[in-house]
Amino acid sequence: MSVEISVYSAETPLKGAEIIAAAAKEQLELRLLIPFKCIVLAPEALQQPPKKQDLMVYCWPKRDTKTTAILDEALQKGDTSLILSVQDKIGWFDFRCEKYDYDRYWKKYADEKEEFEESVSAEVLKAMRSAKVRYFFRCGLRPQENANYLDKVAKMVRDLTNGYLGE
């Protein structure tokens, strides 16, 4: 089982650096990585919105400077054993930002569209139809911290983009 949350927004996609800066204001450290390679996105890549690329997010409390130092060293060296040494202090989850088109999306699930539209409020339907960007977050149920951090970051993105939080 997994936790999945999408944020739908009509605003311009956030840059990676904007997401990281907003997390810092929420007293969170956040790193965007290329999954399975433990490679942090380069500074120039963070100046652009993530483009339909699956990313891994590591997240932990900003006050835990020891974990920050260890994790940054581990990511710089590509040392997975060092990353594993702090895995109980961080949360991690999948993240993707992509263009969104309501009608195009529902073409794939045409037989479910009517049922969905009847199950949501007019306000939700309006928000989803006007959305141009979808931020997708997913993690496993264990450890629980993963879901807690995913929820915090998804809500933060929702607030930054005046978006709609869908599950």
N, C-alpha and C. Protein backbone atom coordinates (compact mmCIF):
# COMPACT_ATOMS: atom_id res chain seq x y z
N MET A 1 0.83 -1.17 0.00
CA MET A 1 0.00 0.00 0.00
C MET A 1 0.88 1.24 0.00
N SER A 2 0.27 2.35 -0.44
CA SER A 2 1.03 3.59 -0.49
C SER A 2 0.11 4.78 -0.23
N VAL A 3 0.75 5.90 0.04
CA VAL A 3 0.06 7.17 0.18
C VAL A 3 0.34 7.94 -1.10
N GLU A 4 -0.71 8.44 -1.74
CA GLU A 4 -0.56 9.22 -2.95
C GLU A 4 -1.37 10.50 -2.82
N ILE A 5 -0.74 11.61 -3.13
CA ILE A 5 -1.43 12.91 -3.12
C ILE A 5 -1.01 13.66 -4.37
N SER A 6 -1.99 14.31 -4.99
CA SER A 6 -1.71 15.19 -6.13
C SER A 6 -2.14 16.60 -5.77
N VAL A 7 -1.37 17.56 -6.25
CA VAL A 7 -1.74 18.96 -6.13
C VAL A 7 -1.94 19.45 -7.56
N TYR A 8 -3.11 20.02 -7.81
CA TYR A 8 -3.46 20.54 -9.13
C TYR A 8 -3.44 22.06 -9.05
N SER A 9 -2.77 22.70 -10.00
CA SER A 9 -2.64 24.16 -9.95
C SER A 9 -2.75 24.76 -11.34
N ALA A 10 -3.34 25.95 -11.40
CA ALA A 10 -3.42 26.71 -12.65
C ALA A 10 -2.22 27.63 -12.81
N GLU A 11 -1.36 27.70 -11.80
CA GLU A 11 -0.22 28.62 -11.83
C GLU A 11 0.99 27.98 -12.50
N THR A 12 1.97 28.81 -12.81
CA THR A 12 3.23 28.37 -13.39
C THR A 12 3.89 27.36 -12.46
N PRO A 13 4.48 26.30 -13.00
CA PRO A 13 5.14 25.31 -12.13
C PRO A 13 6.26 25.94 -11.29
N LEU A 14 6.37 25.46 -10.07
CA LEU A 14 7.43 25.92 -9.17
C LEU A 14 8.78 25.38 -9.63
N LYS A 15 9.80 26.17 -9.42
CA LYS A 15 11.17 25.71 -9.65
C LYS A 15 11.57 24.86 -8.45
N GLY A 16 12.50 23.95 -8.68
CA GLY A 16 13.01 23.13 -7.58
C GLY A 16 13.53 23.99 -6.44
N ALA A 17 14.26 25.06 -6.79
CA ALA A 17 14.82 25.94 -5.75
C ALA A 17 13.72 26.62 -4.93
N GLU A 18 12.59 26.93 -5.55
CA GLU A 18 11.48 27.54 -4.82
C GLU A 18 10.88 26.57 -3.81
N ILE A 19 10.80 25.32 -4.18
CA ILE A 19 10.27 24.29 -3.28
C ILE A 19 11.21 24.12 -2.09
N ILE A 20 12.50 24.06 -2.36
CA ILE A 20 13.49 23.91 -1.30
C ILE A 20 13.48 25.12 -0.36
N ALA A 21 13.39 26.33 -0.92
CA ALA A 21 13.36 27.54 -0.10
C ALA A 21 12.10 27.59 0.77
N ALA A 22 10.97 27.18 0.20
CA ALA A 22 9.73 27.17 0.98
C ALA A 22 9.82 26.15 2.11
N ALA A 23 10.44 25.01 1.85
CA ALA A 23 10.61 23.99 2.89
C ALA A 23 11.47 24.56 4.03
N ALA A 24 12.52 25.30 3.68
CA ALA A 24 13.39 25.89 4.71
C ALA A 24 12.60 26.85 5.61
N LYS A 25 11.67 27.59 5.02
CA LYS A 25 10.83 28.49 5.82
C LYS A 25 9.92 27.71 6.76
N GLU A 26 9.63 26.46 6.40
CA GLU A 26 8.82 25.58 7.24
C GLU A 26 9.68 24.74 8.18
N GLN A 27 10.96 25.12 8.29
CA GLN A 27 11.93 24.44 9.16
C GLN A 27 12.21 23.00 8.71
N LEU A 28 12.22 22.79 7.40
CA LEU A 28 12.53 21.48 6.83
C LEU A 28 13.72 21.59 5.90
N GLU A 29 14.58 20.59 5.92
CA GLU A 29 15.61 20.42 4.90
C GLU A 29 15.00 19.53 3.83
N LEU A 30 15.33 19.81 2.60
CA LEU A 30 14.75 19.05 1.50
C LEU A 30 15.78 18.91 0.39
N ARG A 31 15.94 17.71 -0.14
CA ARG A 31 16.84 17.48 -1.27
C ARG A 31 16.05 16.75 -2.35
N LEU A 32 16.22 17.22 -3.59
CA LEU A 32 15.61 16.57 -4.75
C LEU A 32 16.68 15.75 -5.45
N LEU A 33 16.40 14.46 -5.65
CA LEU A 33 17.40 13.55 -6.21
C LEU A 33 16.86 12.78 -7.40
N ILE A 34 17.78 12.33 -8.21
CA ILE A 34 17.45 11.39 -9.27
C ILE A 34 17.38 10.02 -8.60
N PRO A 35 16.22 9.35 -8.69
CA PRO A 35 16.06 8.08 -7.96
C PRO A 35 17.09 7.01 -8.36
N PHE A 36 17.41 6.19 -7.40
CA PHE A 36 18.27 5.03 -7.55
C PHE A 36 19.73 5.38 -7.86
N LYS A 37 20.02 6.64 -8.10
CA LYS A 37 21.39 7.04 -8.38
C LYS A 37 21.98 7.87 -7.25
N CYS A 38 21.12 8.32 -6.34
CA CYS A 38 21.54 9.17 -5.22
C CYS A 38 22.31 10.39 -5.71
N ILE A 39 21.83 10.97 -6.80
CA ILE A 39 22.44 12.17 -7.35
C ILE A 39 21.49 13.34 -7.10
N VAL A 40 21.97 14.34 -6.37
CA VAL A 40 21.18 15.53 -6.10
C VAL A 40 21.08 16.34 -7.39
N LEU A 41 19.91 16.92 -7.64
CA LEU A 41 19.78 17.77 -8.82
C LEU A 41 20.79 18.90 -8.76
N ALA A 42 21.41 19.17 -9.88
CA ALA A 42 22.41 20.23 -9.98
C ALA A 42 21.76 21.59 -9.74
N PRO A 43 22.52 22.56 -9.22
CA PRO A 43 21.96 23.90 -8.96
C PRO A 43 21.26 24.50 -10.17
N GLU A 44 21.81 24.32 -11.38
CA GLU A 44 21.15 24.88 -12.56
C GLU A 44 19.82 24.18 -12.86
N ALA A 45 19.73 22.90 -12.56
CA ALA A 45 18.46 22.18 -12.75
C ALA A 45 17.41 22.66 -11.75
N LEU A 46 17.84 23.08 -10.57
CA LEU A 46 16.91 23.56 -9.55
C LEU A 46 16.33 24.93 -9.91
N GLN A 47 16.91 25.61 -10.89
CA GLN A 47 16.39 26.90 -11.33
C GLN A 47 15.29 26.77 -12.37
N GLN A 48 14.92 25.52 -12.65
CA GLN A 48 13.84 25.22 -13.59
C GLN A 48 12.78 24.38 -12.86
N PRO A 49 11.55 24.41 -13.35
CA PRO A 49 10.57 23.47 -12.80
C PRO A 49 10.99 22.04 -13.18
N PRO A 50 10.81 21.09 -12.28
CA PRO A 50 11.09 19.70 -12.66
C PRO A 50 10.15 19.31 -13.81
N LYS A 51 10.71 18.82 -14.89
CA LYS A 51 9.90 18.55 -16.09
C LYS A 51 9.62 17.06 -16.25
N LYS A 52 8.43 16.67 -15.88
CA LYS A 52 7.95 15.29 -16.05
C LYS A 52 9.06 14.28 -15.78
N GLN A 53 9.74 14.50 -14.69
CA GLN A 53 10.85 13.64 -14.28
C GLN A 53 10.53 13.09 -12.90
N ASP A 54 10.62 11.79 -12.77
CA ASP A 54 10.43 11.22 -11.45
C ASP A 54 11.63 11.55 -10.59
N LEU A 55 11.35 12.08 -9.41
CA LEU A 55 12.40 12.44 -8.48
C LEU A 55 12.15 11.78 -7.14
N MET A 56 13.19 11.68 -6.35
CA MET A 56 13.10 11.24 -4.96
C MET A 56 13.34 12.47 -4.10
N VAL A 57 12.56 12.61 -3.05
CA VAL A 57 12.73 13.72 -2.12
C VAL A 57 13.16 13.15 -0.78
N TYR A 58 14.24 13.71 -0.24
CA TYR A 58 14.63 13.43 1.14
C TYR A 58 14.23 14.66 1.95
N CYS A 59 13.67 14.43 3.13
CA CYS A 59 13.18 15.53 3.95
C CYS A 59 13.41 15.21 5.43
N TRP A 60 13.80 16.22 6.22
CA TRP A 60 14.03 16.04 7.65
C TRP A 60 14.01 17.42 8.31
N PRO A 61 13.95 17.46 9.63
CA PRO A 61 13.90 18.76 10.33
C PRO A 61 15.18 19.57 10.12
N LYS A 62 15.02 20.83 9.85
CA LYS A 62 16.15 21.74 9.63
C LYS A 62 17.06 21.82 10.86
N ARG A 63 16.51 21.68 12.04
CA ARG A 63 17.30 21.79 13.27
C ARG A 63 18.29 20.62 13.43
N ASP A 64 18.10 19.54 12.69
CA ASP A 64 18.98 18.38 12.79
C ASP A 64 20.19 18.57 11.87
N THR A 65 21.10 19.43 12.30
CA THR A 65 22.26 19.78 11.48
C THR A 65 23.23 18.61 11.30
N LYS A 66 23.24 17.70 12.25
CA LYS A 66 24.12 16.53 12.13
C LYS A 66 23.67 15.65 10.94
N THR A 67 22.36 15.42 10.86
CA THR A 67 21.84 14.64 9.72
C THR A 67 22.10 15.38 8.41
N THR A 68 21.93 16.69 8.42
CA THR A 68 22.20 17.49 7.21
C THR A 68 23.63 17.29 6.75
N ALA A 69 24.58 17.40 7.67
CA ALA A 69 26.00 17.25 7.32
C ALA A 69 26.29 15.85 6.77
N ILE A 70 25.78 14.84 7.45
CA ILE A 70 26.03 13.46 7.02
C ILE A 70 25.41 13.20 5.66
N LEU A 71 24.16 13.61 5.49
CA LEU A 71 23.46 13.34 4.24
C LEU A 71 24.08 14.11 3.08
N ASP A 72 24.42 15.36 3.29
CA ASP A 72 25.05 16.12 2.21
C ASP A 72 26.39 15.51 1.81
N GLU A 73 27.16 15.05 2.79
CA GLU A 73 28.44 14.38 2.48
C GLU A 73 28.17 13.09 1.70
N ALA A 74 27.20 12.33 2.16
CA ALA A 74 26.87 11.07 1.50
C ALA A 74 26.43 11.29 0.06
N LEU A 75 25.61 12.31 -0.15
CA LEU A 75 25.11 12.58 -1.51
C LEU A 75 26.24 13.10 -2.39
N GLN A 76 27.13 13.89 -1.84
CA GLN A 76 28.27 14.39 -2.61
C GLN A 76 29.17 13.25 -3.06
N LYS A 77 29.37 12.28 -2.16
CA LYS A 77 30.25 11.14 -2.46
C LYS A 77 29.51 9.99 -3.16
N GLY A 78 28.18 10.03 -3.15
CA GLY A 78 27.42 8.91 -3.69
C GLY A 78 27.54 7.68 -2.79
N ASP A 79 27.66 7.90 -1.50
CA ASP A 79 27.90 6.85 -0.52
C ASP A 79 26.56 6.36 0.06
N THR A 80 26.03 5.28 -0.51
CA THR A 80 24.72 4.80 -0.06
C THR A 80 24.76 4.25 1.36
N SER A 81 25.88 3.70 1.79
CA SER A 81 25.95 3.20 3.16
C SER A 81 25.84 4.35 4.17
N LEU A 82 26.39 5.50 3.83
CA LEU A 82 26.28 6.67 4.68
C LEU A 82 24.84 7.19 4.70
N ILE A 83 24.19 7.13 3.55
CA ILE A 83 22.77 7.51 3.48
C ILE A 83 21.96 6.59 4.38
N LEU A 84 22.23 5.30 4.30
CA LEU A 84 21.49 4.34 5.13
C LEU A 84 21.72 4.57 6.62
N SER A 85 22.86 5.17 6.97
CA SER A 85 23.14 5.41 8.39
C SER A 85 22.21 6.47 8.99
N VAL A 86 21.55 7.26 8.17
CA VAL A 86 20.61 8.27 8.68
C VAL A 86 19.18 8.02 8.22
N GLN A 87 18.92 6.86 7.66
CA GLN A 87 17.59 6.61 7.10
C GLN A 87 16.47 6.67 8.14
N ASP A 88 16.80 6.45 9.41
CA ASP A 88 15.76 6.53 10.44
C ASP A 88 15.51 7.98 10.88
N LYS A 89 16.27 8.92 10.35
CA LYS A 89 16.10 10.33 10.71
C LYS A 89 15.48 11.16 9.60
N ILE A 90 15.28 10.54 8.42
CA ILE A 90 14.75 11.29 7.28
C ILE A 90 13.48 10.61 6.75
N GLY A 91 12.74 11.37 6.00
CA GLY A 91 11.62 10.82 5.26
C GLY A 91 11.99 10.87 3.78
N TRP A 92 11.40 9.99 3.00
CA TRP A 92 11.66 10.01 1.56
C TRP A 92 10.39 9.63 0.83
N PHE A 93 10.23 10.24 -0.32
CA PHE A 93 9.04 9.96 -1.13
C PHE A 93 9.30 10.34 -2.58
N ASP A 94 8.47 9.78 -3.47
CA ASP A 94 8.55 10.07 -4.90
C ASP A 94 7.84 11.38 -5.18
N PHE A 95 8.33 12.09 -6.19
CA PHE A 95 7.77 13.38 -6.56
C PHE A 95 7.87 13.56 -8.07
N ARG A 96 6.82 14.12 -8.65
CA ARG A 96 6.83 14.43 -10.08
C ARG A 96 6.00 15.68 -10.30
N CYS A 97 6.45 16.53 -11.20
CA CYS A 97 5.72 17.72 -11.61
C CYS A 97 5.51 17.59 -13.12
N GLU A 98 4.27 17.72 -13.55
CA GLU A 98 4.00 17.54 -14.98
C GLU A 98 2.88 18.46 -15.45
N LYS A 99 2.86 18.71 -16.76
CA LYS A 99 1.75 19.46 -17.34
C LYS A 99 0.49 18.64 -17.13
N TYR A 100 -0.62 19.35 -16.96
CA TYR A 100 -1.88 18.64 -16.71
C TYR A 100 -2.96 19.23 -17.60
N ASP A 101 -3.70 18.34 -18.21
CA ASP A 101 -4.85 18.71 -19.04
C ASP A 101 -5.99 17.78 -18.64
N TYR A 102 -7.00 18.34 -18.01
CA TYR A 102 -8.11 17.55 -17.47
C TYR A 102 -8.74 16.64 -18.54
N ASP A 103 -9.07 17.21 -19.68
CA ASP A 103 -9.75 16.42 -20.72
C ASP A 103 -8.85 15.33 -21.28
N ARG A 104 -7.58 15.65 -21.48
CA ARG A 104 -6.65 14.64 -21.99
C ARG A 104 -6.49 13.50 -20.97
N TYR A 105 -6.39 13.86 -19.69
CA TYR A 105 -6.26 12.85 -18.64
C TYR A 105 -7.45 11.89 -18.68
N TRP A 106 -8.65 12.43 -18.76
CA TRP A 106 -9.84 11.59 -18.69
C TRP A 106 -10.12 10.82 -19.97
N LYS A 107 -9.45 11.14 -21.05
CA LYS A 107 -9.57 10.32 -22.27
C LYS A 107 -9.07 8.90 -21.98
N LYS A 108 -8.05 8.81 -21.13
CA LYS A 108 -7.49 7.50 -20.77
C LYS A 108 -8.45 6.68 -19.91
N TYR A 109 -9.33 7.38 -19.18
CA TYR A 109 -10.23 6.72 -18.23
C TYR A 109 -11.68 7.12 -18.51
N ALA A 110 -12.03 7.14 -19.78
CA ALA A 110 -13.34 7.65 -20.21
C ALA A 110 -14.50 6.97 -19.48
N ASP A 111 -14.37 5.68 -19.22
CA ASP A 111 -15.47 4.95 -18.57
C ASP A 111 -15.63 5.31 -17.09
N GLU A 112 -14.66 6.01 -16.50
CA GLU A 112 -14.73 6.39 -15.10
C GLU A 112 -15.01 7.89 -14.90
N LYS A 113 -14.94 8.66 -15.96
CA LYS A 113 -15.04 10.12 -15.85
C LYS A 113 -16.38 10.57 -15.26
N GLU A 114 -17.48 10.06 -15.76
CA GLU A 114 -18.79 10.49 -15.28
C GLU A 114 -18.97 10.18 -13.80
N GLU A 115 -18.56 8.99 -13.40
CA GLU A 115 -18.66 8.62 -11.98
C GLU A 115 -17.83 9.55 -11.11
N PHE A 116 -16.62 9.86 -11.57
CA PHE A 116 -15.76 10.77 -10.82
C PHE A 116 -16.41 12.14 -10.68
N GLU A 117 -16.88 12.68 -11.78
CA GLU A 117 -17.46 14.02 -11.77
C GLU A 117 -18.70 14.12 -10.87
N GLU A 118 -19.44 13.04 -10.78
CA GLU A 118 -20.60 13.02 -9.89
C GLU A 118 -20.20 12.91 -8.42
N SER A 119 -18.98 12.43 -8.17
CA SER A 119 -18.55 12.18 -6.79
C SER A 119 -17.85 13.38 -6.14
N VAL A 120 -17.55 14.43 -6.92
CA VAL A 120 -16.84 15.59 -6.37
C VAL A 120 -17.71 16.84 -6.48
N SER A 121 -17.36 17.80 -5.66
CA SER A 121 -18.11 19.06 -5.66
C SER A 121 -17.82 19.87 -6.92
N ALA A 122 -18.68 20.82 -7.20
CA ALA A 122 -18.48 21.72 -8.34
C ALA A 122 -17.19 22.52 -8.18
N GLU A 123 -16.86 22.86 -6.93
CA GLU A 123 -15.64 23.62 -6.65
C GLU A 123 -14.39 22.80 -7.01
N VAL A 124 -14.39 21.53 -6.64
CA VAL A 124 -13.26 20.65 -6.95
C VAL A 124 -13.16 20.46 -8.46
N LEU A 125 -14.28 20.24 -9.08
CA LEU A 125 -14.29 20.03 -10.53
C LEU A 125 -13.75 21.27 -11.26
N LYS A 126 -14.15 22.44 -10.81
CA LYS A 126 -13.66 23.69 -11.41
C LYS A 126 -12.14 23.81 -11.24
N ALA A 127 -11.66 23.51 -10.04
CA ALA A 127 -10.21 23.59 -9.77
C ALA A 127 -9.44 22.61 -10.65
N MET A 128 -9.93 21.42 -10.80
CA MET A 128 -9.22 20.42 -11.60
C MET A 128 -9.27 20.75 -13.09
N ARG A 129 -10.41 21.24 -13.56
CA ARG A 129 -10.52 21.60 -14.98
C ARG A 129 -9.62 22.79 -15.34
N SER A 130 -9.40 23.68 -14.41
CA SER A 130 -8.57 24.85 -14.70
C SER A 130 -7.08 24.60 -14.48
N ALA A 131 -6.74 23.48 -13.88
CA ALA A 131 -5.33 23.18 -13.58
C ALA A 131 -4.51 22.97 -14.85
N LYS A 132 -3.30 23.46 -14.80
CA LYS A 132 -2.34 23.29 -15.90
C LYS A 132 -1.13 22.48 -15.47
N VAL A 133 -1.01 22.29 -14.14
CA VAL A 133 0.14 21.58 -13.58
C VAL A 133 -0.36 20.59 -12.53
N ARG A 134 0.26 19.43 -12.51
CA ARG A 134 -0.03 18.43 -11.47
C ARG A 134 1.29 18.07 -10.80
N TYR A 135 1.30 18.20 -9.46
CA TYR A 135 2.42 17.74 -8.65
C TYR A 135 1.96 16.43 -8.02
N PHE A 136 2.74 15.39 -8.19
CA PHE A 136 2.36 14.06 -7.70
C PHE A 136 3.37 13.61 -6.65
N PHE A 137 2.85 13.16 -5.52
CA PHE A 137 3.65 12.69 -4.39
C PHE A 137 3.22 11.26 -4.05
N ARG A 138 4.18 10.37 -3.79
CA ARG A 138 3.84 8.99 -3.41
C ARG A 138 4.91 8.41 -2.50
N CYS A 139 4.46 7.66 -1.48
CA CYS A 139 5.40 6.95 -0.62
C CYS A 139 4.71 5.72 -0.05
N GLY A 140 5.53 4.83 0.50
CA GLY A 140 5.01 3.69 1.21
C GLY A 140 4.50 4.11 2.58
N LEU A 141 3.85 3.19 3.25
CA LEU A 141 3.27 3.49 4.56
C LEU A 141 4.28 3.40 5.70
N ARG A 142 5.45 2.83 5.43
CA ARG A 142 6.45 2.69 6.48
C ARG A 142 7.78 3.20 6.01
N PRO A 143 8.51 3.87 6.84
CA PRO A 143 8.09 4.34 8.16
C PRO A 143 7.06 5.46 8.03
N GLN A 144 6.31 5.67 9.08
CA GLN A 144 5.24 6.66 9.08
C GLN A 144 5.75 8.07 8.77
N GLU A 145 6.99 8.35 9.13
CA GLU A 145 7.56 9.67 8.86
C GLU A 145 7.50 10.03 7.38
N ASN A 146 7.64 9.03 6.50
CA ASN A 146 7.57 9.31 5.07
C ASN A 146 6.25 9.99 4.72
N ALA A 147 5.16 9.40 5.18
CA ALA A 147 3.83 9.95 4.88
C ALA A 147 3.65 11.32 5.54
N ASN A 148 4.20 11.50 6.74
CA ASN A 148 4.09 12.79 7.42
C ASN A 148 4.81 13.88 6.64
N TYR A 149 6.03 13.60 6.18
CA TYR A 149 6.77 14.60 5.39
C TYR A 149 6.10 14.82 4.04
N LEU A 150 5.64 13.76 3.40
CA LEU A 150 4.95 13.90 2.13
C LEU A 150 3.75 14.84 2.29
N ASP A 151 2.97 14.64 3.33
CA ASP A 151 1.80 15.47 3.59
C ASP A 151 2.19 16.94 3.79
N LYS A 152 3.24 17.18 4.57
CA LYS A 152 3.69 18.56 4.82
C LYS A 152 4.13 19.24 3.53
N VAL A 153 4.91 18.54 2.73
CA VAL A 153 5.43 19.15 1.50
C VAL A 153 4.30 19.33 0.48
N ALA A 154 3.40 18.37 0.36
CA ALA A 154 2.28 18.51 -0.57
C ALA A 154 1.41 19.72 -0.19
N LYS A 155 1.12 19.87 1.08
CA LYS A 155 0.32 21.02 1.53
C LYS A 155 1.07 22.33 1.31
N MET A 156 2.37 22.31 1.48
CA MET A 156 3.18 23.49 1.23
C MET A 156 3.10 23.88 -0.25
N VAL A 157 3.22 22.90 -1.14
CA VAL A 157 3.12 23.15 -2.58
C VAL A 157 1.72 23.66 -2.92
N ARG A 158 0.71 23.07 -2.33
CA ARG A 158 -0.67 23.55 -2.54
C ARG A 158 -0.78 25.03 -2.18
N ASP A 159 -0.26 25.39 -1.03
CA ASP A 159 -0.36 26.77 -0.56
C ASP A 159 0.44 27.72 -1.45
N LEU A 160 1.61 27.29 -1.91
CA LEU A 160 2.45 28.14 -2.77
C LEU A 160 1.82 28.39 -4.13
N THR A 161 1.02 27.44 -4.60
CA THR A 161 0.49 27.51 -5.96
C THR A 161 -1.01 27.79 -5.99
N ASN A 162 -1.60 28.07 -4.84
CA ASN A 162 -3.06 28.23 -4.77
C ASN A 162 -3.75 27.04 -5.43
N GLY A 163 -3.20 25.88 -5.17
CA GLY A 163 -3.68 24.67 -5.82
C GLY A 163 -4.76 23.95 -5.04
N TYR A 164 -5.19 22.84 -5.64
CA TYR A 164 -6.18 21.95 -5.04
C TYR A 164 -5.46 20.66 -4.67
N LEU A 165 -5.66 20.20 -3.44
CA LEU A 165 -5.04 18.98 -2.96
C LEU A 165 -5.99 17.83 -3.18
N GLY A 166 -5.59 16.90 -4.02
CA GLY A 166 -6.42 15.72 -4.29
C GLY A 166 -5.70 14.47 -3.84
N GLU A 167 -6.45 13.47 -3.45
CA GLU A 167 -5.82 12.22 -3.00
C GLU A 167 -6.17 11.10 -3.93
